[in-house]
PDB file of N, CA and C in Angstrom:
ATOM      1  N   MET A   1     193.103 -77.615  56.744  1.00  0.00           N
ATOM      2  CA  MET A   1     192.626 -76.778  55.652  1.00  0.00           C
ATOM      3  C   MET A   1     191.233 -76.272  55.975  1.00  0.00           C
ATOM      4  N   SER A   2     191.078 -74.969  56.005  1.00  0.00           N
ATOM      5  CA  SER A   2     189.809 -74.357  56.345  1.00  0.00           C
ATOM      6  C   SER A   2     188.899 -74.287  55.120  1.00  0.00           C
ATOM      7  N   LYS A   3     187.632 -74.593  55.323  1.00  0.00           N
ATOM      8  CA  LYS A   3     186.662 -74.506  54.236  1.00  0.00           C
ATOM      9  C   LYS A   3     185.915 -73.188  54.275  1.00  0.00           C
ATOM     10  N   ARG A   4     186.336 -72.294  55.144  1.00  0.00           N
ATOM     11  CA  ARG A   4     185.670 -71.006  55.263  1.00  0.00           C
ATOM     12  C   ARG A   4     186.057 -70.095  54.112  1.00  0.00           C
ATOM     13  N   LYS A   5     185.104 -69.252  53.687  1.00  0.00           N
ATOM     14  CA  LYS A   5     185.372 -68.307  52.606  1.00  0.00           C
ATOM     15  C   LYS A   5     186.272 -67.195  53.120  1.00  0.00           C
ATOM     16  N   THR A   6     187.232 -66.805  52.296  1.00  0.00           N
ATOM     17  CA  THR A   6     188.094 -65.676  52.630  1.00  0.00           C
ATOM     18  C   THR A   6     188.057 -64.679  51.487  1.00  0.00           C
ATOM     19  N   PHE A   7     188.076 -63.404  51.837  1.00  0.00           N
ATOM     20  CA  PHE A   7     188.063 -62.330  50.859  1.00  0.00           C
ATOM     21  C   PHE A   7     189.064 -61.272  51.281  1.00  0.00           C
ATOM     22  N   SER A   8     189.515 -60.482  50.318  1.00  0.00           N
ATOM     23  CA  SER A   8     190.295 -59.297  50.657  1.00  0.00           C
ATOM     24  C   SER A   8     189.515 -58.095  50.145  1.00  0.00           C
ATOM     25  N   GLY A   9     189.602 -57.006  50.890  1.00  0.00           N
ATOM     26  CA  GLY A   9     188.855 -55.817  50.510  1.00  0.00           C
ATOM     27  C   GLY A   9     189.388 -54.594  51.227  1.00  0.00           C
ATOM     28  N   THR A  10     188.727 -53.480  50.997  1.00  0.00           N
ATOM     29  CA  THR A  10     189.137 -52.201  51.548  1.00  0.00           C
ATOM     30  C   THR A  10     188.152 -51.765  52.626  1.00  0.00           C
ATOM     31  N   VAL A  11     188.679 -51.273  53.730  1.00  0.00           N
ATOM     32  CA  VAL A  11     187.835 -50.795  54.821  1.00  0.00           C
ATOM     33  C   VAL A  11     187.193 -49.477  54.399  1.00  0.00           C
ATOM     34  N   THR A  12     185.861 -49.411  54.476  1.00  0.00           N
ATOM     35  CA  THR A  12     185.155 -48.183  54.108  1.00  0.00           C
ATOM     36  C   THR A  12     184.598 -47.451  55.323  1.00  0.00           C
ATOM     37  N   SER A  13     184.470 -48.132  56.467  1.00  0.00           N
ATOM     38  CA  SER A  13     183.966 -47.480  57.673  1.00  0.00           C
ATOM     39  C   SER A  13     184.549 -48.170  58.902  1.00  0.00           C
ATOM     40  N   ASP A  14     184.908 -47.364  59.896  1.00  0.00           N
ATOM     41  CA  ASP A  14     185.386 -47.902  61.174  1.00  0.00           C
ATOM     42  C   ASP A  14     184.734 -47.167  62.345  1.00  0.00           C
ATOM     43  N   LYS A  15     183.518 -46.682  62.154  1.00  0.00           N
ATOM     44  CA  LYS A  15     182.857 -45.844  63.147  1.00  0.00           C
ATOM     45  C   LYS A  15     182.165 -46.632  64.249  1.00  0.00           C
ATOM     46  N   MET A  16     181.987 -47.945  64.061  1.00  0.00           N
ATOM     47  CA  MET A  16     181.339 -48.762  65.084  1.00  0.00           C
ATOM     48  C   MET A  16     182.392 -49.365  65.998  1.00  0.00           C
ATOM     49  N   GLN A  17     181.972 -49.771  67.191  1.00  0.00           N
ATOM     50  CA  GLN A  17     182.890 -50.390  68.134  1.00  0.00           C
ATOM     51  C   GLN A  17     183.100 -51.847  67.741  1.00  0.00           C
ATOM     52  N   LYS A  18     184.367 -52.229  67.523  1.00  0.00           N
ATOM     53  CA  LYS A  18     184.766 -53.598  67.178  1.00  0.00           C
ATOM     54  C   LYS A  18     184.140 -54.107  65.876  1.00  0.00           C
ATOM     55  N   THR A  19     183.685 -53.195  65.023  1.00  0.00           N
ATOM     56  CA  THR A  19     183.106 -53.582  63.740  1.00  0.00           C
ATOM     57  C   THR A  19     183.606 -52.636  62.660  1.00  0.00           C
ATOM     58  N   ILE A  20     183.994 -53.209  61.527  1.00  0.00           N
ATOM     59  CA  ILE A  20     184.373 -52.413  60.361  1.00  0.00           C
ATOM     60  C   ILE A  20     183.513 -52.857  59.188  1.00  0.00           C
ATOM     61  N   VAL A  21     183.405 -51.997  58.185  1.00  0.00           N
ATOM     62  CA  VAL A  21     182.700 -52.354  56.957  1.00  0.00           C
ATOM     63  C   VAL A  21     183.757 -52.474  55.864  1.00  0.00           C
ATOM     64  N   VAL A  22     183.761 -53.616  55.182  1.00  0.00           N
ATOM     65  CA  VAL A  22     184.761 -53.901  54.157  1.00  0.00           C
ATOM     66  C   VAL A  22     184.066 -54.067  52.811  1.00  0.00           C
ATOM     67  N   ARG A  23     184.584 -53.377  51.782  1.00  0.00           N
ATOM     68  CA  ARG A  23     184.060 -53.494  50.418  1.00  0.00           C
ATOM     69  C   ARG A  23     184.994 -54.405  49.627  1.00  0.00           C
ATOM     70  N   THR A  24     184.413 -55.464  49.062  1.00  0.00           N
ATOM     71  CA  THR A  24     185.178 -56.378  48.205  1.00  0.00           C
ATOM     72  C   THR A  24     184.723 -56.160  46.768  1.00  0.00           C
ATOM     73  N   MET A  25     185.669 -56.203  45.836  1.00  0.00           N
ATOM     74  CA  MET A  25     185.369 -56.012  44.417  1.00  0.00           C
ATOM     75  C   MET A  25     185.599 -57.327  43.671  1.00  0.00           C
ATOM     76  N   HIS A  26     184.740 -57.597  42.681  1.00  0.00           N
ATOM     77  CA  HIS A  26     184.941 -58.743  41.806  1.00  0.00           C
ATOM     78  C   HIS A  26     184.388 -58.420  40.430  1.00  0.00           C
ATOM     79  N   THR A  27     184.836 -59.163  39.438  1.00  0.00           N
ATOM     80  CA  THR A  27     184.352 -58.961  38.077  1.00  0.00           C
ATOM     81  C   THR A  27     183.497 -60.157  37.671  1.00  0.00           C
ATOM     82  N   THR A  28     182.501 -59.876  36.861  1.00  0.00           N
ATOM     83  CA  THR A  28     181.622 -60.922  36.374  1.00  0.00           C
ATOM     84  C   THR A  28     181.158 -60.549  34.967  1.00  0.00           C
ATOM     85  N   LYS A  29     180.702 -61.521  34.245  1.00  0.00           N
ATOM     86  CA  LYS A  29     180.226 -61.277  32.888  1.00  0.00           C
ATOM     87  C   LYS A  29     178.729 -60.996  32.940  1.00  0.00           C
ATOM     88  N   HIS A  30     178.297 -59.922  32.267  1.00  0.00           N
ATOM     89  CA  HIS A  30     176.877 -59.585  32.232  1.00  0.00           C
ATOM     90  C   HIS A  30     176.127 -60.702  31.536  1.00  0.00           C
ATOM     91  N   GLN A  31     175.010 -61.125  32.141  1.00  0.00           N
ATOM     92  CA  GLN A  31     174.300 -62.292  31.644  1.00  0.00           C
ATOM     93  C   GLN A  31     173.763 -62.101  30.227  1.00  0.00           C
ATOM     94  N   LYS A  32     173.245 -60.919  29.935  1.00  0.00           N
ATOM     95  CA  LYS A  32     172.630 -60.703  28.628  1.00  0.00           C
ATOM     96  C   LYS A  32     173.606 -60.160  27.595  1.00  0.00           C
ATOM     97  N   TYR A  33     174.422 -59.161  27.986  1.00  0.00           N
ATOM     98  CA  TYR A  33     175.253 -58.447  27.021  1.00  0.00           C
ATOM     99  C   TYR A  33     176.689 -58.957  26.923  1.00  0.00           C
ATOM    100  N   GLY A  34     177.130 -59.780  27.876  1.00  0.00           N
ATOM    101  CA  GLY A  34     178.444 -60.381  27.780  1.00  0.00           C
ATOM    102  C   GLY A  34     179.599 -59.474  28.179  1.00  0.00           C
ATOM    103  N   ARG A  35     179.313 -58.257  28.557  1.00  0.00           N
ATOM    104  CA  ARG A  35     180.368 -57.323  28.947  1.00  0.00           C
ATOM    105  C   ARG A  35     180.864 -57.653  30.360  1.00  0.00           C
ATOM    106  N   ILE A  36     182.161 -57.461  30.595  1.00  0.00           N
ATOM    107  CA  ILE A  36     182.723 -57.671  31.921  1.00  0.00           C
ATOM    108  C   ILE A  36     182.349 -56.481  32.798  1.00  0.00           C
ATOM    109  N   VAL A  37     181.747 -56.765  33.939  1.00  0.00           N
ATOM    110  CA  VAL A  37     181.238 -55.728  34.836  1.00  0.00           C
ATOM    111  C   VAL A  37     181.890 -55.878  36.199  1.00  0.00           C
ATOM    112  N   ARG A  38     182.292 -54.743  36.803  1.00  0.00           N
ATOM    113  CA  ARG A  38     182.834 -54.771  38.166  1.00  0.00           C
ATOM    114  C   ARG A  38     181.691 -54.632  39.160  1.00  0.00           C
ATOM    115  N   LYS A  39     181.663 -55.499  40.140  1.00  0.00           N
ATOM    116  CA  LYS A  39     180.642 -55.458  41.184  1.00  0.00           C
ATOM    117  C   LYS A  39     181.328 -55.450  42.536  1.00  0.00           C
ATOM    118  N   SER A  40     180.593 -55.000  43.554  1.00  0.00           N
ATOM    119  CA  SER A  40     181.163 -54.957  44.893  1.00  0.00           C
ATOM    120  C   SER A  40     180.145 -55.449  45.906  1.00  0.00           C
ATOM    121  N   ASN A  41     180.656 -55.936  47.007  1.00  0.00           N
ATOM    122  CA  ASN A  41     179.838 -56.333  48.146  1.00  0.00           C
ATOM    123  C   ASN A  41     180.404 -55.648  49.385  1.00  0.00           C
ATOM    124  N   LYS A  42     179.530 -55.325  50.328  1.00  0.00           N
ATOM    125  CA  LYS A  42     179.970 -54.742  51.589  1.00  0.00           C
ATOM    126  C   LYS A  42     179.634 -55.714  52.709  1.00  0.00           C
ATOM    127  N   PHE A  43     180.630 -56.007  53.552  1.00  0.00           N
ATOM    128  CA  PHE A  43     180.450 -56.928  54.663  1.00  0.00           C
ATOM    129  C   PHE A  43     180.782 -56.225  55.964  1.00  0.00           C
ATOM    130  N   LYS A  44     179.987 -56.503  57.009  1.00  0.00           N
ATOM    131  CA  LYS A  44     180.344 -56.062  58.353  1.00  0.00           C
ATOM    132  C   LYS A  44     181.279 -57.115  58.917  1.00  0.00           C
ATOM    133  N   VAL A  45     182.399 -56.648  59.479  1.00  0.00           N
ATOM    134  CA  VAL A  45     183.474 -57.541  59.907  1.00  0.00           C
ATOM    135  C   VAL A  45     183.823 -57.252  61.357  1.00  0.00           C
ATOM    136  N   HIS A  46     184.020 -58.312  62.155  1.00  0.00           N
ATOM    137  CA  HIS A  46     184.397 -58.159  63.553  1.00  0.00           C
ATOM    138  C   HIS A  46     185.895 -57.861  63.646  1.00  0.00           C
ATOM    139  N   ASP A  47     186.234 -56.757  64.301  1.00  0.00           N
ATOM    140  CA  ASP A  47     187.626 -56.331  64.502  1.00  0.00           C
ATOM    141  C   ASP A  47     187.840 -56.156  65.999  1.00  0.00           C
ATOM    142  N   GLU A  48     188.245 -57.236  66.668  1.00  0.00           N
ATOM    143  CA  GLU A  48     188.358 -57.262  68.130  1.00  0.00           C
ATOM    144  C   GLU A  48     189.275 -56.179  68.679  1.00  0.00           C
ATOM    145  N   LYS A  49     190.433 -55.975  68.056  1.00  0.00           N
ATOM    146  CA  LYS A  49     191.433 -55.022  68.570  1.00  0.00           C
ATOM    147  C   LYS A  49     191.260 -53.616  68.006  1.00  0.00           C
ATOM    148  N   GLN A  50     190.288 -53.410  67.143  1.00  0.00           N
ATOM    149  CA  GLN A  50     190.026 -52.122  66.500  1.00  0.00           C
ATOM    150  C   GLN A  50     191.287 -51.571  65.836  1.00  0.00           C
ATOM    151  N   ALA A  51     191.982 -52.449  65.101  1.00  0.00           N
ATOM    152  CA  ALA A  51     193.258 -52.093  64.478  1.00  0.00           C
ATOM    153  C   ALA A  51     193.093 -51.505  63.079  1.00  0.00           C
ATOM    154  N   ALA A  52     192.076 -51.906  62.359  1.00  0.00           N
ATOM    155  CA  ALA A  52     191.913 -51.467  60.971  1.00  0.00           C
ATOM    156  C   ALA A  52     191.291 -50.073  60.913  1.00  0.00           C
ATOM    157  N   LYS A  53     191.779 -49.283  59.978  1.00  0.00           N
ATOM    158  CA  LYS A  53     191.278 -47.924  59.766  1.00  0.00           C
ATOM    159  C   LYS A  53     190.793 -47.792  58.326  1.00  0.00           C
ATOM    160  N   ILE A  54     190.075 -46.707  58.032  1.00  0.00           N
ATOM    161  CA  ILE A  54     189.536 -46.480  56.696  1.00  0.00           C
ATOM    162  C   ILE A  54     190.672 -46.447  55.667  1.00  0.00           C
ATOM    163  N   GLY A  55     190.503 -47.177  54.577  1.00  0.00           N
ATOM    164  CA  GLY A  55     191.499 -47.215  53.513  1.00  0.00           C
ATOM    165  C   GLY A  55     192.436 -48.401  53.588  1.00  0.00           C
ATOM    166  N   ASP A  56     192.477 -49.116  54.704  1.00  0.00           N
ATOM    167  CA  ASP A  56     193.344 -50.291  54.828  1.00  0.00           C
ATOM    168  C   ASP A  56     192.821 -51.433  53.961  1.00  0.00           C
ATOM    169  N   VAL A  57     193.738 -52.220  53.409  1.00  0.00           N
ATOM    170  CA  VAL A  57     193.369 -53.435  52.685  1.00  0.00           C
ATOM    171  C   VAL A  57     193.493 -54.582  53.671  1.00  0.00           C
ATOM    172  N   VAL A  58     192.413 -55.367  53.831  1.00  0.00           N
ATOM    173  CA  VAL A  58     192.375 -56.394  54.864  1.00  0.00           C
ATOM    174  C   VAL A  58     191.955 -57.743  54.291  1.00  0.00           C
ATOM    175  N   LEU A  59     192.283 -58.799  55.030  1.00  0.00           N
ATOM    176  CA  LEU A  59     191.865 -60.159  54.704  1.00  0.00           C
ATOM    177  C   LEU A  59     190.816 -60.551  55.734  1.00  0.00           C
ATOM    178  N   ILE A  60     189.631 -61.004  55.263  1.00  0.00           N
ATOM    179  CA  ILE A  60     188.550 -61.379  56.168  1.00  0.00           C
ATOM    180  C   ILE A  60     188.172 -62.830  55.935  1.00  0.00           C
ATOM    181  N   GLU A  61     187.584 -63.449  56.964  1.00  0.00           N
ATOM    182  CA  GLU A  61     187.221 -64.858  56.886  1.00  0.00           C
ATOM    183  C   GLU A  61     185.818 -65.060  57.444  1.00  0.00           C
ATOM    184  N   GLU A  62     185.082 -65.957  56.834  1.00  0.00           N
ATOM    185  CA  GLU A  62     183.734 -66.290  57.281  1.00  0.00           C
ATOM    186  C   GLU A  62     183.791 -66.939  58.659  1.00  0.00           C
ATOM    187  N   THR A  63     182.804 -66.646  59.501  1.00  0.00           N
ATOM    188  CA  THR A  63     182.747 -67.227  60.837  1.00  0.00           C
ATOM    189  C   THR A  63     181.285 -67.425  61.233  1.00  0.00           C
ATOM    190  N   ARG A  64     181.056 -67.894  62.427  1.00  0.00           N
ATOM    191  CA  ARG A  64     179.679 -68.074  62.896  1.00  0.00           C
ATOM    192  C   ARG A  64     178.995 -66.715  62.995  1.00  0.00           C
ATOM    193  N   PRO A  65     177.672 -66.662  62.988  1.00  0.00           N
ATOM    194  CA  PRO A  65     177.000 -65.370  63.129  1.00  0.00           C
ATOM    195  C   PRO A  65     177.332 -64.712  64.467  1.00  0.00           C
ATOM    196  N   LEU A  66     177.847 -63.490  64.397  1.00  0.00           N
ATOM    197  CA  LEU A  66     178.202 -62.749  65.608  1.00  0.00           C
ATOM    198  C   LEU A  66     177.109 -61.748  65.978  1.00  0.00           C
ATOM    199  N   SER A  67     176.317 -61.336  65.012  1.00  0.00           N
ATOM    200  CA  SER A  67     175.181 -60.461  65.245  1.00  0.00           C
ATOM    201  C   SER A  67     174.263 -60.588  64.027  1.00  0.00           C
ATOM    202  N   LYS A  68     173.250 -59.735  63.962  1.00  0.00           N
ATOM    203  CA  LYS A  68     172.289 -59.826  62.869  1.00  0.00           C
ATOM    204  C   LYS A  68     172.951 -59.690  61.501  1.00  0.00           C
ATOM    205  N   GLY A  69     173.924 -58.779  61.358  1.00  0.00           N
ATOM    206  CA  GLY A  69     174.541 -58.546  60.056  1.00  0.00           C
ATOM    207  C   GLY A  69     176.009 -58.897  59.974  1.00  0.00           C
ATOM    208  N   LYS A  70     176.594 -59.390  61.070  1.00  0.00           N
ATOM    209  CA  LYS A  70     178.041 -59.622  61.115  1.00  0.00           C
ATOM    210  C   LYS A  70     178.337 -61.117  61.025  1.00  0.00           C
ATOM    211  N   ARG A  71     178.986 -61.515  59.885  1.00  0.00           N
ATOM    212  CA  ARG A  71     179.290 -62.931  59.651  1.00  0.00           C
ATOM    213  C   ARG A  71     180.750 -63.171  59.291  1.00  0.00           C
ATOM    214  N   PHE A  72     181.585 -62.150  59.402  1.00  0.00           N
ATOM    215  CA  PHE A  72     183.001 -62.265  59.052  1.00  0.00           C
ATOM    216  C   PHE A  72     183.853 -61.724  60.180  1.00  0.00           C
ATOM    217  N   ARG A  73     185.132 -62.157  60.213  1.00  0.00           N
ATOM    218  CA  ARG A  73     186.083 -61.634  61.187  1.00  0.00           C
ATOM    219  C   ARG A  73     187.359 -61.225  60.462  1.00  0.00           C
ATOM    220  N   LEU A  74     188.072 -60.286  61.053  1.00  0.00           N
ATOM    221  CA  LEU A  74     189.321 -59.794  60.484  1.00  0.00           C
ATOM    222  C   LEU A  74     190.429 -60.804  60.742  1.00  0.00           C
ATOM    223  N   VAL A  75     191.132 -61.223  59.685  1.00  0.00           N
ATOM    224  CA  VAL A  75     192.255 -62.145  59.833  1.00  0.00           C
ATOM    225  C   VAL A  75     193.545 -61.350  59.970  1.00  0.00           C
ATOM    226  N   LYS A  76     193.812 -60.449  58.999  1.00  0.00           N
ATOM    227  CA  LYS A  76     195.008 -59.611  59.085  1.00  0.00           C
ATOM    228  C   LYS A  76     194.861 -58.388  58.194  1.00  0.00           C
ATOM    229  N   ILE A  77     195.669 -57.395  58.501  1.00  0.00           N
ATOM    230  CA  ILE A  77     195.728 -56.187  57.691  1.00  0.00           C
ATOM    231  C   ILE A  77     196.835 -56.404  56.667  1.00  0.00           C
ATOM    232  N   ILE A  78     196.479 -56.404  55.396  1.00  0.00           N
ATOM    233  CA  ILE A  78     197.451 -56.649  54.329  1.00  0.00           C
ATOM    234  C   ILE A  78     198.277 -55.400  54.066  1.00  0.00           C
ATOM    235  N   GLN A  79     197.613 -54.259  53.978  1.00  0.00           N
ATOM    236  CA  GLN A  79     198.310 -53.009  53.657  1.00  0.00           C
ATOM    237  C   GLN A  79     197.637 -51.863  54.391  1.00  0.00           C
ATOM    238  N   LYS A  80     198.439 -51.095  55.112  1.00  0.00           N
ATOM    239  CA  LYS A  80     197.929 -49.909  55.796  1.00  0.00           C
ATOM    240  C   LYS A  80     197.720 -48.796  54.784  1.00  0.00           C
ATOM    241  N   GLU A  81     196.773 -47.901  55.095  1.00  0.00           N
ATOM    242  CA  GLU A  81     196.530 -46.752  54.231  1.00  0.00           C
ATOM    243  C   GLU A  81     197.740 -45.831  54.276  1.00  0.00           C
ATOM    244  N   ALA A  82     198.067 -45.229  53.134  1.00  0.00           N
ATOM    245  CA  ALA A  82     199.167 -44.272  53.078  1.00  0.00           C
ATOM    246  C   ALA A  82     198.819 -43.073  53.954  1.00  0.00           C
ATOM    247  N   ALA A  83     199.829 -42.411  54.465  1.00  0.00           N
ATOM    248  CA  ALA A  83     199.609 -41.247  55.314  1.00  0.00           C
ATOM    249  C   ALA A  83     198.844 -40.184  54.542  1.00  0.00           C
ATOM    250  N   PRO A  84     197.852 -39.567  55.170  1.00  0.00           N
ATOM    251  CA  PRO A  84     197.075 -38.555  54.454  1.00  0.00           C
ATOM    252  C   PRO A  84     197.925 -37.338  54.106  1.00  0.00           C
ATOM    253  N   ALA A  85     197.661 -36.773  52.945  1.00  0.00           N
ATOM    254  CA  ALA A  85     198.395 -35.594  52.495  1.00  0.00           C
ATOM    255  C   ALA A  85     197.995 -34.393  53.344  1.00  0.00           C
ATOM    256  N   ILE A  86     198.938 -33.504  53.587  1.00  0.00           N
ATOM    257  CA  ILE A  86     198.666 -32.308  54.375  1.00  0.00           C
ATOM    258  C   ILE A  86     198.030 -31.271  53.472  1.00  0.00           C
ATOM    259  N   GLU A  87     196.901 -30.746  53.923  1.00  0.00           N
ATOM    260  CA  GLU A  87     196.212 -29.732  53.132  1.00  0.00           C
ATOM    261  C   GLU A  87     196.858 -28.377  53.351  1.00  0.00           C
ATOM    262  N   ILE A  88     197.057 -27.657  52.272  1.00  0.00           N
ATOM    263  CA  ILE A  88     197.580 -26.297  52.362  1.00  0.00           C
ATOM    264  C   ILE A  88     196.397 -25.368  52.149  1.00  0.00           C
ATOM    265  N   LYS A  89     196.107 -24.614  53.200  1.00  0.00           N
ATOM    266  CA  LYS A  89     194.953 -23.718  53.133  1.00  0.00           C
ATOM    267  C   LYS A  89     195.371 -22.386  52.553  1.00  0.00           C
ATOM    268  N   ASP A  90     194.408 -21.700  51.956  1.00  0.00           N
ATOM    269  CA  ASP A  90     194.657 -20.366  51.421  1.00  0.00           C
ATOM    270  C   ASP A  90     194.961 -19.411  52.573  1.00  0.00           C
ATOM    271  N   PRO A  91     195.852 -18.437  52.341  1.00  0.00           N
ATOM    272  CA  PRO A  91     196.123 -17.487  53.405  1.00  0.00           C
ATOM    273  C   PRO A  91     194.866 -16.688  53.738  1.00  0.00           C
ATOM    274  N   VAL A  92     194.774 -16.360  54.990  1.00  0.00           N
ATOM    275  CA  VAL A  92     193.611 -15.613  55.444  1.00  0.00           C
ATOM    276  C   VAL A  92     193.698 -14.187  54.907  1.00  0.00           C
ATOM    277  N   ILE A  93     192.627 -13.744  54.277  1.00  0.00           N
ATOM    278  CA  ILE A  93     192.574 -12.380  53.756  1.00  0.00           C
ATOM    279  C   ILE A  93     191.918 -11.520  54.806  1.00  0.00           C
ATOM    280  N   GLU A  94     192.651 -10.542  55.295  1.00  0.00           N
ATOM    281  CA  GLU A  94     192.112  -9.671  56.339  1.00  0.00           C
ATOM    282  C   GLU A  94     191.182  -8.653  55.710  1.00  0.00           C
ATOM    283  N   LYS A  95     190.033  -8.532  56.326  1.00  0.00           N
ATOM    284  CA  LYS A  95     189.072  -7.558  55.847  1.00  0.00           C
ATOM    285  C   LYS A  95     189.283  -6.254  56.616  1.00  0.00           C
ATOM    286  N   LYS A  96     189.246  -5.157  55.886  1.00  0.00           N
ATOM    287  CA  LYS A  96     189.343  -3.851  56.532  1.00  0.00           C
ATOM    288  C   LYS A  96     187.961  -3.396  56.932  1.00  0.00           C
ATOM    289  N   PRO A  97     187.860  -2.732  58.075  1.00  0.00           N
ATOM    290  CA  PRO A  97     186.543  -2.243  58.477  1.00  0.00           C
ATOM    291  C   PRO A  97     186.017  -1.269  57.443  1.00  0.00           C
ATOM    292  N   GLU A  98     184.713  -1.221  57.338  1.00  0.00           N
ATOM    293  CA  GLU A  98     184.098  -0.327  56.367  1.00  0.00           C
ATOM    294  C   GLU A  98     184.454   1.133  56.682  1.00  0.00           C
ATOM    295  N   GLY A  99     184.656   1.916  55.685  1.00  0.00           N
ATOM    296  CA  GLY A  99     185.017   3.324  55.862  1.00  0.00           C
ATOM    297  C   GLY A  99     186.491   3.576  55.723  1.00  0.00           C
ATOM    298  N   GLU A 100     187.357   2.535  55.890  1.00  0.00           N
ATOM    299  CA  GLU A 100     188.798   2.681  55.714  1.00  0.00           C
ATOM    300  C   GLU A 100     189.168   2.325  54.293  1.00  0.00           C
ATOM    301  N   LYS A 101     190.270   2.922  53.837  1.00  0.00           N
ATOM    302  CA  LYS A 101     190.740   2.600  52.485  1.00  0.00           C
ATOM    303  C   LYS A 101     192.063   1.909  52.543  1.00  0.00           C
TER     304      LYS A 101
END
């Protein structure tokens, strides 16, 4: 049984080599007003195989410090991002040269 912390979150950046940024969401009660508030944390996560892409839901686990800001590693990809929708662009409007009607 591992005593390491595990979180699930969404990948928000994959622009670094072997590193992704994962946003985790949690709810907490406001200390003064008692209202339930959604909060998020962003963690830099080691992704050895560079498998995770933006929008994927992933499971991460605490590990030894790998760099100044990297303290988690990717365990598995829970859900891949849905295929991006194809954009339909407006038809190109041809401009007539000046002087023509």
